[in-house]
C-alpha atoms as a PDB file:
ATOM      1  CA  MET A   1      98.284 212.677 122.293  1.00  0.00           C
ATOM      2  CA  THR A   2      96.775 209.222 122.003  1.00  0.00           C
ATOM      3  CA  GLU A   3      93.218 208.502 123.045  1.00  0.00           C
ATOM      4  CA  THR A   4      92.977 205.425 125.248  1.00  0.00           C
ATOM      5  CA  LEU A   5      89.752 203.736 126.297  1.00  0.00           C
ATOM      6  CA  PHE A   6      89.089 203.512 130.029  1.00  0.00           C
ATOM      7  CA  LEU A   7      86.692 200.739 131.023  1.00  0.00           C
ATOM      8  CA  THR A   8      85.246 200.369 134.481  1.00  0.00           C
ATOM      9  CA  SER A   9      84.433 196.964 135.930  1.00  0.00           C
ATOM     10  CA  ASP A  10      80.727 197.688 135.418  1.00  0.00           C
ATOM     11  CA  ALA A  11      81.327 198.561 131.761  1.00  0.00           C
ATOM     12  CA  VAL A  12      82.897 195.188 130.957  1.00  0.00           C
ATOM     13  CA  ASP A  13      80.516 193.111 133.060  1.00  0.00           C
ATOM     14  CA  ASP A  14      78.448 190.786 130.849  1.00  0.00           C
ATOM     15  CA  LEU A  15      80.219 191.873 127.652  1.00  0.00           C
ATOM     16  CA  ALA A  16      81.306 188.288 126.891  1.00  0.00           C
ATOM     17  CA  THR A  17      79.965 184.835 127.624  1.00  0.00           C
ATOM     18  CA  PRO A  18      82.047 182.144 129.338  1.00  0.00           C
ATOM     19  CA  ALA A  19      82.368 180.302 126.009  1.00  0.00           C
ATOM     20  CA  GLU A  20      83.698 183.449 124.340  1.00  0.00           C
ATOM     21  CA  TYR A  21      86.280 183.904 127.090  1.00  0.00           C
ATOM     22  CA  VAL A  22      87.348 180.297 126.538  1.00  0.00           C
ATOM     23  CA  ASP A  23      87.717 180.796 122.780  1.00  0.00           C
ATOM     24  CA  ALA A  24      89.811 183.944 123.261  1.00  0.00           C
ATOM     25  CA  VAL A  25      92.038 182.362 125.889  1.00  0.00           C
ATOM     26  CA  ARG A  26      92.499 179.194 123.833  1.00  0.00           C
ATOM     27  CA  GLU A  27      93.719 181.351 120.950  1.00  0.00           C
ATOM     28  CA  GLY A  28      96.078 183.162 123.317  1.00  0.00           C
ATOM     29  CA  TYR A  29      97.622 179.892 124.469  1.00  0.00           C
ATOM     30  CA  ARG A  30      97.945 178.710 120.874  1.00  0.00           C
ATOM     31  CA  GLN A  31     100.034 181.805 120.186  1.00  0.00           C
ATOM     32  CA  ARG A  32     102.102 181.101 123.292  1.00  0.00           C
ATOM     33  CA  GLY A  33     102.679 177.581 121.968  1.00  0.00           C
ATOM     34  CA  GLU A  34     104.033 179.158 118.786  1.00  0.00           C
ATOM     35  CA  GLY A  35     106.454 181.339 120.747  1.00  0.00           C
ATOM     36  CA  ALA A  36     104.519 184.377 122.019  1.00  0.00           C
ATOM     37  CA  PRO A  37     106.403 185.964 124.950  1.00  0.00           C
ATOM     38  CA  ALA A  38     105.113 185.543 128.514  1.00  0.00           C
ATOM     39  CA  HIS A  39     106.726 185.189 131.926  1.00  0.00           C
ATOM     40  CA  PRO A  40     105.514 184.313 135.438  1.00  0.00           C
ATOM     41  CA  ARG A  41     104.319 186.969 137.791  1.00  0.00           C
ATOM     42  CA  SER A  42     106.543 189.282 139.762  1.00  0.00           C
ATOM     43  CA  LYS A  43     105.456 189.353 143.378  1.00  0.00           C
ATOM     44  CA  PHE A  44     106.383 191.992 145.940  1.00  0.00           C
ATOM     45  CA  LEU A  45     105.492 191.538 149.605  1.00  0.00           C
ATOM     46  CA  ARG A  46     105.275 194.051 152.427  1.00  0.00           C
ATOM     47  CA  ALA A  47     105.009 192.997 156.047  1.00  0.00           C
ATOM     48  CA  ASP A  48     103.606 196.139 157.678  1.00  0.00           C
ATOM     49  CA  PRO A  49     100.984 196.792 156.484  1.00  0.00           C
ATOM     50  CA  ALA A  50     100.793 193.252 155.145  1.00  0.00           C
ATOM     51  CA  GLY A  51     100.140 193.105 151.429  1.00  0.00           C
ATOM     52  CA  MET A  52     101.187 191.786 148.045  1.00  0.00           C
ATOM     53  CA  PHE A  53     101.775 193.719 144.828  1.00  0.00           C
ATOM     54  CA  THR A  54     101.825 191.588 141.685  1.00  0.00           C
ATOM     55  CA  SER A  55     102.355 192.093 137.982  1.00  0.00           C
ATOM     56  CA  TYR A  56     102.629 189.902 134.897  1.00  0.00           C
ATOM     57  CA  ALA A  57     102.453 190.463 131.164  1.00  0.00           C
ATOM     58  CA  ALA A  58     102.409 188.845 127.726  1.00  0.00           C
ATOM     59  CA  ILE A  59     102.483 189.727 124.048  1.00  0.00           C
ATOM     60  CA  LEU A  60      99.959 188.082 121.726  1.00  0.00           C
ATOM     61  CA  PRO A  61     101.281 189.144 118.310  1.00  0.00           C
ATOM     62  CA  GLU A  62      98.514 187.622 116.184  1.00  0.00           C
ATOM     63  CA  THR A  63      95.827 189.156 118.379  1.00  0.00           C
ATOM     64  CA  GLY A  64      97.710 192.417 118.049  1.00  0.00           C
ATOM     65  CA  ALA A  65      97.708 193.153 121.768  1.00  0.00           C
ATOM     66  CA  MET A  66     100.024 193.111 124.740  1.00  0.00           C
ATOM     67  CA  GLY A  67      99.701 193.999 128.398  1.00  0.00           C
ATOM     68  CA  GLY A  68      98.776 192.228 131.592  1.00  0.00           C
ATOM     69  CA  TYR A  69      97.850 192.777 135.191  1.00  0.00           C
ATOM     70  CA  MET A  70      99.093 194.937 138.006  1.00  0.00           C
ATOM     71  CA  TYR A  71      97.227 194.409 141.229  1.00  0.00           C
ATOM     72  CA  SER A  72      97.472 194.927 144.942  1.00  0.00           C
ATOM     73  CA  ALA A  73      95.965 192.785 147.666  1.00  0.00           C
ATOM     74  CA  GLY A  74      95.869 193.461 151.378  1.00  0.00           C
ATOM     75  CA  PHE A  75      97.813 196.424 152.731  1.00  0.00           C
ATOM     76  CA  GLY A  76      95.993 198.933 154.923  1.00  0.00           C
ATOM     77  CA  ALA A  77      92.668 198.776 153.111  1.00  0.00           C
ATOM     78  CA  GLY A  78      92.503 194.990 153.310  1.00  0.00           C
ATOM     79  CA  ASP A  79      91.182 194.821 149.754  1.00  0.00           C
ATOM     80  CA  GLY A  80      92.346 194.334 146.185  1.00  0.00           C
ATOM     81  CA  TRP A  81      92.529 196.383 142.980  1.00  0.00           C
ATOM     82  CA  PHE A  82      93.119 194.911 139.530  1.00  0.00           C
ATOM     83  CA  MET A  83      94.478 197.250 136.875  1.00  0.00           C
ATOM     84  CA  THR A  84      94.821 195.959 133.300  1.00  0.00           C
ATOM     85  CA  PRO A  85      96.808 198.043 130.790  1.00  0.00           C
ATOM     86  CA  LEU A  86      96.368 196.953 127.171  1.00  0.00           C
ATOM     87  CA  PHE A  87      98.650 198.075 124.326  1.00  0.00           C
ATOM     88  CA  ASP A  88      98.655 197.684 120.556  1.00  0.00           C
ATOM     89  CA  ALA A  89     101.290 195.042 119.816  1.00  0.00           C
ATOM     90  CA  ASP A  90     102.147 196.625 116.448  1.00  0.00           C
ATOM     91  CA  SER A  91     102.263 200.353 117.177  1.00  0.00           C
ATOM     92  CA  GLY A  92     102.983 200.066 120.889  1.00  0.00           C
ATOM     93  CA  ALA A  93     100.321 202.685 121.669  1.00  0.00           C
ATOM     94  CA  PRO A  94      98.060 202.237 124.701  1.00  0.00           C
ATOM     95  CA  LEU A  95      94.668 200.858 123.650  1.00  0.00           C
ATOM     96  CA  ALA A  96      92.829 200.620 126.932  1.00  0.00           C
ATOM     97  CA  LEU A  97      93.003 200.625 130.681  1.00  0.00           C
ATOM     98  CA  LEU A  98      90.554 198.245 132.327  1.00  0.00           C
ATOM     99  CA  ASP A  99      89.396 197.801 135.881  1.00  0.00           C
ATOM    100  CA  GLY A 100      90.121 194.079 135.735  1.00  0.00           C
ATOM    101  CA  ALA A 101      88.337 192.833 138.846  1.00  0.00           C
ATOM    102  CA  SER A 102      85.093 191.563 137.350  1.00  0.00           C
ATOM    103  CA  MET A 103      86.788 189.755 134.449  1.00  0.00           C
ATOM    104  CA  ASN A 104      89.242 187.942 136.715  1.00  0.00           C
ATOM    105  CA  PRO A 105      87.244 184.786 137.538  1.00  0.00           C
ATOM    106  CA  PHE A 106      86.143 184.456 133.916  1.00  0.00           C
ATOM    107  CA  LYS A 107      89.566 184.783 132.298  1.00  0.00           C
ATOM    108  CA  THR A 108      91.110 182.486 134.919  1.00  0.00           C
ATOM    109  CA  GLY A 109      88.210 180.084 134.538  1.00  0.00           C
ATOM    110  CA  ALA A 110      88.747 180.149 130.789  1.00  0.00           C
ATOM    111  CA  ALA A 111      92.376 179.084 131.207  1.00  0.00           C
ATOM    112  CA  GLY A 112      91.212 176.194 133.377  1.00  0.00           C
ATOM    113  CA  ALA A 113      88.603 175.240 130.798  1.00  0.00           C
ATOM    114  CA  VAL A 114      91.205 175.180 128.028  1.00  0.00           C
ATOM    115  CA  GLY A 115      93.239 172.820 130.214  1.00  0.00           C
ATOM    116  CA  VAL A 116      90.201 170.587 130.657  1.00  0.00           C
ATOM    117  CA  ASP A 117      89.434 170.646 126.954  1.00  0.00           C
ATOM    118  CA  GLU A 118      92.981 169.645 126.028  1.00  0.00           C
ATOM    119  CA  LEU A 119      93.666 167.096 128.775  1.00  0.00           C
ATOM    120  CA  ALA A 120      90.416 165.579 130.078  1.00  0.00           C
ATOM    121  CA  ARG A 121      88.815 162.543 128.462  1.00  0.00           C
ATOM    122  CA  ASP A 122      86.312 163.394 125.752  1.00  0.00           C
ATOM    123  CA  ASP A 123      83.589 161.476 127.596  1.00  0.00           C
ATOM    124  CA  ALA A 124      84.193 163.184 130.956  1.00  0.00           C
ATOM    125  CA  ASP A 125      80.812 163.875 132.551  1.00  0.00           C
ATOM    126  CA  THR A 126      81.423 164.022 136.320  1.00  0.00           C
ATOM    127  CA  LEU A 127      83.071 167.100 137.803  1.00  0.00           C
ATOM    128  CA  ALA A 128      84.329 167.735 141.333  1.00  0.00           C
ATOM    129  CA  ILE A 129      85.062 171.243 142.565  1.00  0.00           C
ATOM    130  CA  ILE A 130      86.994 171.948 145.747  1.00  0.00           C
ATOM    131  CA  GLY A 131      86.257 175.536 146.716  1.00  0.00           C
ATOM    132  CA  SER A 132      83.157 177.703 146.507  1.00  0.00           C
ATOM    133  CA  GLY A 133      84.444 181.254 146.090  1.00  0.00           C
ATOM    134  CA  ALA A 134      84.565 183.574 143.094  1.00  0.00           C
ATOM    135  CA  GLN A 135      87.350 181.638 141.401  1.00  0.00           C
ATOM    136  CA  ALA A 136      85.485 178.342 141.764  1.00  0.00           C
ATOM    137  CA  ARG A 137      82.471 180.015 140.173  1.00  0.00           C
ATOM    138  CA  GLY A 138      84.548 181.243 137.261  1.00  0.00           C
ATOM    139  CA  GLN A 139      86.026 177.777 136.753  1.00  0.00           C
ATOM    140  CA  LEU A 140      82.606 176.139 136.645  1.00  0.00           C
ATOM    141  CA  HIS A 141      81.076 178.744 134.325  1.00  0.00           C
ATOM    142  CA  ALA A 142      83.890 178.193 131.824  1.00  0.00           C
ATOM    143  CA  THR A 143      84.459 174.455 132.206  1.00  0.00           C
ATOM    144  CA  ALA A 144      80.775 173.703 131.695  1.00  0.00           C
ATOM    145  CA  THR A 145      81.206 175.008 128.125  1.00  0.00           C
ATOM    146  CA  VAL A 146      83.813 172.411 127.105  1.00  0.00           C
ATOM    147  CA  ARG A 147      82.278 169.172 128.437  1.00  0.00           C
ATOM    148  CA  ASP A 148      78.700 167.954 128.885  1.00  0.00           C
ATOM    149  CA  PHE A 149      78.673 167.296 132.607  1.00  0.00           C
ATOM    150  CA  THR A 150      75.775 165.371 134.094  1.00  0.00           C
ATOM    151  CA  GLU A 151      76.927 165.676 137.714  1.00  0.00           C
ATOM    152  CA  VAL A 152      78.889 168.367 139.541  1.00  0.00           C
ATOM    153  CA  ARG A 153      79.912 167.873 143.182  1.00  0.00           C
ATOM    154  CA  VAL A 154      81.173 170.770 145.227  1.00  0.00           C
ATOM    155  CA  TYR A 155      82.983 170.721 148.528  1.00  0.00           C
ATOM    156  CA  SER A 156      84.278 173.556 150.676  1.00  0.00           C
ATOM    157  CA  PRO A 157      84.751 173.545 154.451  1.00  0.00           C
ATOM    158  CA  THR A 158      81.838 175.886 155.217  1.00  0.00           C
ATOM    159  CA  PRO A 159      78.501 174.057 154.669  1.00  0.00           C
ATOM    160  CA  GLU A 160      76.441 177.148 153.894  1.00  0.00           C
ATOM    161  CA  ASN A 161      78.951 178.281 151.241  1.00  0.00           C
ATOM    162  CA  ARG A 162      78.996 174.989 149.353  1.00  0.00           C
ATOM    163  CA  GLU A 163      75.232 174.650 149.596  1.00  0.00           C
ATOM    164  CA  ALA A 164      74.689 178.171 148.222  1.00  0.00           C
ATOM    165  CA  PHE A 165      77.170 177.521 145.415  1.00  0.00           C
ATOM    166  CA  ALA A 166      75.448 174.274 144.464  1.00  0.00           C
ATOM    167  CA  ALA A 167      71.988 175.834 144.559  1.00  0.00           C
ATOM    168  CA  ASP A 168      73.037 178.700 142.285  1.00  0.00           C
ATOM    169  CA  PHE A 169      74.532 176.448 139.618  1.00  0.00           C
ATOM    170  CA  ASP A 170      71.881 173.759 139.886  1.00  0.00           C
ATOM    171  CA  ASP A 171      69.431 176.400 138.705  1.00  0.00           C
ATOM    172  CA  THR A 172      71.554 177.458 135.719  1.00  0.00           C
ATOM    173  CA  LEU A 173      73.297 174.294 134.462  1.00  0.00           C
ATOM    174  CA  ALA A 174      71.773 171.185 132.941  1.00  0.00           C
ATOM    175  CA  ALA A 175      73.949 169.084 135.259  1.00  0.00           C
ATOM    176  CA  ASP A 176      72.895 167.919 138.712  1.00  0.00           C
ATOM    177  CA  VAL A 177      74.956 170.230 140.941  1.00  0.00           C
ATOM    178  CA  HIS A 178      75.052 169.300 144.598  1.00  0.00           C
ATOM    179  CA  ALA A 179      77.178 169.811 147.697  1.00  0.00           C
ATOM    180  CA  VAL A 180      79.035 167.000 149.454  1.00  0.00           C
ATOM    181  CA  ASP A 181      80.555 166.891 152.916  1.00  0.00           C
ATOM    182  CA  SER A 182      84.167 165.964 152.105  1.00  0.00           C
ATOM    183  CA  SER A 183      86.753 166.278 149.368  1.00  0.00           C
ATOM    184  CA  THR A 184      86.922 162.482 149.285  1.00  0.00           C
ATOM    185  CA  ALA A 185      83.224 162.315 148.424  1.00  0.00           C
ATOM    186  CA  ALA A 186      83.693 164.996 145.776  1.00  0.00           C
ATOM    187  CA  VAL A 187      86.573 163.382 143.882  1.00  0.00           C
ATOM    188  CA  ALA A 188      85.486 159.719 144.124  1.00  0.00           C
ATOM    189  CA  ASP A 189      85.392 158.446 140.500  1.00  0.00           C
ATOM    190  CA  ALA A 190      85.212 162.024 139.198  1.00  0.00           C
ATOM    191  CA  ASP A 191      86.391 162.505 135.628  1.00  0.00           C
ATOM    192  CA  VAL A 192      87.504 166.100 136.229  1.00  0.00           C
ATOM    193  CA  VAL A 193      88.622 167.706 139.494  1.00  0.00           C
ATOM    194  CA  ILE A 194      89.057 171.460 139.946  1.00  0.00           C
ATOM    195  CA  THR A 195      90.779 172.907 142.994  1.00  0.00           C
ATOM    196  CA  ALA A 196      90.162 176.613 143.533  1.00  0.00           C
ATOM    197  CA  THR A 197      91.398 177.340 147.044  1.00  0.00           C
ATOM    198  CA  GLN A 198      94.007 179.251 149.004  1.00  0.00           C
ATOM    199  CA  ALA A 199      95.299 176.114 150.692  1.00  0.00           C
ATOM    200  CA  SER A 200      98.793 175.558 152.027  1.00  0.00           C
ATOM    201  CA  GLU A 201      98.162 171.829 152.510  1.00  0.00           C
ATOM    202  CA  PRO A 202      96.740 169.385 149.934  1.00  0.00           C
ATOM    203  CA  VAL A 203      92.971 169.543 149.579  1.00  0.00           C
ATOM    204  CA  VAL A 204      92.663 166.148 147.897  1.00  0.00           C
ATOM    205  CA  ASP A 205      94.355 162.835 148.657  1.00  0.00           C
ATOM    206  CA  GLY A 206      96.190 161.270 145.751  1.00  0.00           C
ATOM    207  CA  ASP A 207      94.826 157.870 146.778  1.00  0.00           C
ATOM    208  CA  ASP A 208      91.315 159.153 145.998  1.00  0.00           C
ATOM    209  CA  ILE A 209      92.163 160.117 142.418  1.00  0.00           C
ATOM    210  CA  ALA A 210      90.904 157.502 139.970  1.00  0.00           C
ATOM    211  CA  PRO A 211      92.823 156.517 136.823  1.00  0.00           C
ATOM    212  CA  GLY A 212      91.809 158.698 133.905  1.00  0.00           C
ATOM    213  CA  THR A 213      91.063 161.779 136.033  1.00  0.00           C
ATOM    214  CA  HIS A 214      92.035 165.249 134.915  1.00  0.00           C
ATOM    215  CA  ILE A 215      92.833 167.845 137.595  1.00  0.00           C
ATOM    216  CA  THR A 216      92.949 171.599 137.150  1.00  0.00           C
ATOM    217  CA  ALA A 217      94.679 173.226 140.124  1.00  0.00           C
ATOM    218  CA  MET A 218      94.476 177.015 140.094  1.00  0.00           C
ATOM    219  CA  GLY A 219      95.247 178.075 143.660  1.00  0.00           C
ATOM    220  CA  GLN A 220      98.948 177.195 143.981  1.00  0.00           C
ATOM    221  CA  TYR A 221     100.953 180.170 142.767  1.00  0.00           C
ATOM    222  CA  SER A 222     103.435 180.548 145.600  1.00  0.00           C
ATOM    223  CA  ALA A 223     106.065 178.213 146.969  1.00  0.00           C
ATOM    224  CA  ASP A 224     104.077 177.563 150.147  1.00  0.00           C
ATOM    225  CA  ALA A 225     100.685 177.102 148.447  1.00  0.00           C
ATOM    226  CA  ARG A 226      99.797 173.471 147.883  1.00  0.00           C
ATOM    227  CA  GLU A 227      96.516 172.005 146.670  1.00  0.00           C
ATOM    228  CA  LEU A 228      97.900 168.663 145.412  1.00  0.00           C
ATOM    229  CA  ASP A 229     100.059 166.153 147.259  1.00  0.00           C
ATOM    230  CA  THR A 230     103.349 164.711 146.082  1.00  0.00           C
ATOM    231  CA  ASP A 231     101.854 161.420 144.901  1.00  0.00           C
ATOM    232  CA  THR A 232      99.333 163.217 142.699  1.00  0.00           C
ATOM    233  CA  ILE A 233     102.028 165.305 141.036  1.00  0.00           C
ATOM    234  CA  ALA A 234     104.388 162.341 140.640  1.00  0.00           C
ATOM    235  CA  ASN A 235     101.730 160.074 139.122  1.00  0.00           C
ATOM    236  CA  ALA A 236     100.362 162.642 136.689  1.00  0.00           C
ATOM    237  CA  THR A 237     101.183 163.996 133.277  1.00  0.00           C
ATOM    238  CA  TYR A 238     102.005 167.494 134.505  1.00  0.00           C
ATOM    239  CA  VAL A 239     101.225 170.538 132.332  1.00  0.00           C
ATOM    240  CA  PRO A 240     101.710 174.070 133.713  1.00  0.00           C
ATOM    241  CA  ASP A 241     100.542 177.281 132.071  1.00  0.00           C
ATOM    242  CA  LEU A 242     104.194 178.320 131.788  1.00  0.00           C
ATOM    243  CA  ARG A 243     107.143 175.933 132.076  1.00  0.00           C
ATOM    244  CA  GLU A 244     109.106 178.582 133.968  1.00  0.00           C
ATOM    245  CA  ARG A 245     106.392 178.712 136.629  1.00  0.00           C
ATOM    246  CA  ALA A 246     106.901 175.080 137.663  1.00  0.00           C
ATOM    247  CA  THR A 247     110.089 175.882 139.578  1.00  0.00           C
ATOM    248  CA  PHE A 248     109.243 179.518 140.316  1.00  0.00           C
ATOM    249  CA  ASP A 249     105.972 179.543 142.242  1.00  0.00           C
ATOM    250  CA  ALA A 250     104.069 176.296 141.538  1.00  0.00           C
ATOM    251  CA  GLY A 251     103.949 175.141 145.154  1.00  0.00           C
ATOM    252  CA  SER A 252     102.784 171.559 144.658  1.00  0.00           C
ATOM    253  CA  PHE A 253     105.361 170.879 141.960  1.00  0.00           C
ATOM    254  CA  MET A 254     108.148 172.538 143.929  1.00  0.00           C
ATOM    255  CA  GLN A 255     107.408 170.546 147.068  1.00  0.00           C
ATOM    256  CA  ALA A 256     107.288 167.278 145.107  1.00  0.00           C
ATOM    257  CA  LEU A 257     110.625 168.276 143.590  1.00  0.00           C
ATOM    258  CA  GLU A 258     112.074 169.016 147.027  1.00  0.00           C
ATOM    259  CA  ALA A 259     110.858 165.634 148.283  1.00  0.00           C
ATOM    260  CA  GLY A 260     112.816 163.930 145.511  1.00  0.00           C
ATOM    261  CA  ALA A 261     109.700 162.368 143.989  1.00  0.00           C
ATOM    262  CA  ILE A 262     110.217 164.074 140.621  1.00  0.00           C
ATOM    263  CA  THR A 263     112.823 165.988 138.640  1.00  0.00           C
ATOM    264  CA  GLU A 264     112.390 169.144 136.600  1.00  0.00           C
ATOM    265  CA  ASP A 265     111.970 166.884 133.567  1.00  0.00           C
ATOM    266  CA  HIS A 266     108.589 165.865 135.005  1.00  0.00           C
ATOM    267  CA  VAL A 267     107.069 168.876 133.210  1.00  0.00           C
ATOM    268  CA  HIS A 268     105.383 167.260 130.214  1.00  0.00           C
ATOM    269  CA  ALA A 269     104.729 170.456 128.266  1.00  0.00           C
ATOM    270  CA  GLU A 270     103.273 173.928 128.607  1.00  0.00           C
ATOM    271  CA  LEU A 271      99.568 174.260 127.945  1.00  0.00           C
ATOM    272  CA  GLY A 272     100.280 176.405 124.877  1.00  0.00           C
ATOM    273  CA  GLU A 273     102.457 173.694 123.361  1.00  0.00           C
ATOM    274  CA  VAL A 274      99.574 171.248 123.696  1.00  0.00           C
ATOM    275  CA  VAL A 275      97.037 173.711 122.284  1.00  0.00           C
ATOM    276  CA  ALA A 276      99.317 174.486 119.328  1.00  0.00           C
ATOM    277  CA  GLY A 277      99.785 170.782 118.597  1.00  0.00           C
ATOM    278  CA  ASN A 278     103.501 170.903 119.355  1.00  0.00           C
ATOM    279  CA  ALA A 279     103.202 168.450 122.246  1.00  0.00           C
ATOM    280  CA  PRO A 280     100.696 165.666 122.907  1.00  0.00           C
ATOM    281  CA  GLY A 281      98.010 166.037 125.528  1.00  0.00           C
ATOM    282  CA  ARG A 282      96.298 162.976 126.965  1.00  0.00           C
ATOM    283  CA  THR A 283      97.496 159.763 125.349  1.00  0.00           C
ATOM    284  CA  SER A 284      95.431 157.134 127.208  1.00  0.00           C
ATOM    285  CA  ASP A 285      92.093 156.817 128.987  1.00  0.00           C
ATOM    286  CA  ASP A 286      93.671 155.783 132.307  1.00  0.00           C
ATOM    287  CA  GLU A 287      96.252 158.569 132.414  1.00  0.00           C
ATOM    288  CA  ILE A 288      96.032 161.123 135.250  1.00  0.00           C
ATOM    289  CA  THR A 289      96.622 164.648 133.976  1.00  0.00           C
ATOM    290  CA  VAL A 290      97.228 167.885 135.865  1.00  0.00           C
ATOM    291  CA  PHE A 291      96.956 171.429 134.563  1.00  0.00           C
ATOM    292  CA  ASP A 292      98.667 173.816 136.974  1.00  0.00           C
ATOM    293  CA  SER A 293      97.124 177.245 136.390  1.00  0.00           C
ATOM    294  CA  GLY A 294      98.798 179.973 138.418  1.00  0.00           C
ATOM    295  CA  GLY A 295      97.741 182.958 136.348  1.00  0.00           C
ATOM    296  CA  THR A 296      99.610 184.540 133.438  1.00  0.00           C
ATOM    297  CA  GLY A 297      99.441 187.494 131.125  1.00  0.00           C
ATOM    298  CA  ILE A 298      98.284 185.174 128.342  1.00  0.00           C
ATOM    299  CA  GLU A 299      94.696 184.800 129.482  1.00  0.00           C
ATOM    300  CA  THR A 300      94.698 188.356 130.811  1.00  0.00           C
ATOM    301  CA  VAL A 301      95.629 189.952 127.488  1.00  0.00           C
ATOM    302  CA  ALA A 302      93.340 187.627 125.522  1.00  0.00           C
ATOM    303  CA  ALA A 303      90.358 188.426 127.731  1.00  0.00           C
ATOM    304  CA  ALA A 304      91.102 192.134 127.990  1.00  0.00           C
ATOM    305  CA  TYR A 305      91.338 192.489 124.211  1.00  0.00           C
ATOM    306  CA  LEU A 306      88.044 190.645 123.791  1.00  0.00           C
ATOM    307  CA  LEU A 307      86.391 193.097 126.173  1.00  0.00           C
ATOM    308  CA  TYR A 308      88.102 196.078 124.558  1.00  0.00           C
ATOM    309  CA  GLU A 309      86.744 195.082 121.141  1.00  0.00           C
ATOM    310  CA  ARG A 310      83.239 194.528 122.479  1.00  0.00           C
ATOM    311  CA  ALA A 311      83.225 197.815 124.374  1.00  0.00           C
ATOM    312  CA  SER A 312      84.511 199.698 121.329  1.00  0.00           C
ATOM    313  CA  GLU A 313      81.770 198.202 119.147  1.00  0.00           C
ATOM    314  CA  ARG A 314      79.122 199.293 121.633  1.00  0.00           C
ATOM    315  CA  GLY A 315      80.526 202.719 122.391  1.00  0.00           C
ATOM    316  CA  LEU A 316      81.171 201.933 126.044  1.00  0.00           C
ATOM    317  CA  GLY A 317      83.726 203.537 128.320  1.00  0.00           C
ATOM    318  CA  GLN A 318      85.392 206.908 128.211  1.00  0.00           C
ATOM    319  CA  THR A 319      88.625 208.064 126.653  1.00  0.00           C
ATOM    320  CA  ILE A 320      91.666 209.344 128.443  1.00  0.00           C
ATOM    321  CA  GLU A 321      94.790 210.799 126.873  1.00  0.00           C
ATOM    322  CA  PHE A 322      98.387 209.637 127.016  1.00  0.00           C
ATOM    323  CA  ALA A 323     101.244 211.730 125.696  1.00  0.00           C
ATOM    324  CA  PRO A 324     103.857 209.861 123.641  1.00  0.00           C
ATOM    325  CA  ALA A 325     107.424 210.062 124.847  1.00  0.00           C
ATOM    326  CA  SER A 326     108.397 211.946 121.704  1.00  0.00           C
ATOM    327  CA  GLU A 327     106.274 214.839 122.966  1.00  0.00           C
ATOM    328  CA  ALA A 328     106.434 214.582 126.740  1.00  0.00           C
ATOM    329  CA  LEU A 329     109.857 213.107 127.500  1.00  0.00           C
ATOM    330  CA  THR A 330     111.719 216.373 127.232  1.00  0.00           C
ATOM    331  CA  GLY A 331     113.364 217.010 130.577  1.00  0.00           C
ATOM    332  CA  ASN A 332     112.188 220.608 130.378  1.00  0.00           C
END
């Protein structure tokens, strides 16, 4: 039998700071840039009851961990559950099983922040956020650790949501965080734009994007999801989390491809290739860059292992037992 650590969402809450998530995820993408295995999500849909079951995984050999996410959303309960199995990449034994819900905005936000750090101008100090939900919060928590923003503008369609979001972060960040009443007002002359929505139509107009802007789009991980318009994709240096994702479920890229505005060669590089120094990031101050972050096992494994180490150091969680196949796979 092998003892495996089980960590509830409460157990891992507050175990790591946003900056520590960013450091762990950056290291994960560096390993991916050196050849660590990862693939886009598998997505299974059911119509009645309506729901989606998703999984994705990665191996981070230098971290010594592998695993990913399996989660359900919708179905009869109309809710979601995030299960994160984590294995030792050397022995193959199960290290931990995490309730991955509370870490989700932070690990996803960390991936976005790594994209900002690699692709935004060094002097970027104005940030626009489209969206005000949990994922937008995670993006801001993490991105605020990689640039010294003086102004953050937030827009979402519901006034009370964007106002509450702005008030929360205005109290905790050094930047002036305030709500605006349109996406146009948010992105005007912004140095960094983050889209964190569930939109099926573009949430920003490419004509409003100033030269030199970096955009992190994290809500377009299905063919019919689209946060960015064709012009924005076509005019940008385009960097996805995984190259394979660009033509698999990166909705904005796929629709620009279908419109004939780009070819598959429009993918500049994967984020990991840029982090590892195997491909250039931004090369000029007036370049528009896009990081398309649809969610991968890379940031999931990196974040989960960080939390596993912290919990182990502090004696948190409880152990459960798994039987190895050599003992249990008998057919008896």
